[in-house]
Amino acid sequence: MFEELPKNVRMIMPDTSISFTRQARANENTLTATINISFTKPFYGPENYPEFYEFYKKLFTFLKEQFVFRKK
């Protein structure tokens, strides 16, 4: 039994060049987590660094969230 699932999340860079989605579903003792990261640009220059840095900081915060499972 899962106590509480992390919220589903969607983030997009201000210039829409990177998008991140995370969806989690639980059914009895089965957890399904889907993570999608999409890039539309192959290169990010130094002028994009502040936005890029903040996006990745939030991204890794979401990726590190834990799923709590309790045995009956």
Foldseek 3Di string as FASTA:
>chain_A
DWPDDDDWDWDAQPVRQKIWTWDWDDDDPDIDIDIDIHGPDPDDDPVCVVSVVVVVVVVVVVVPDDTDDDDD
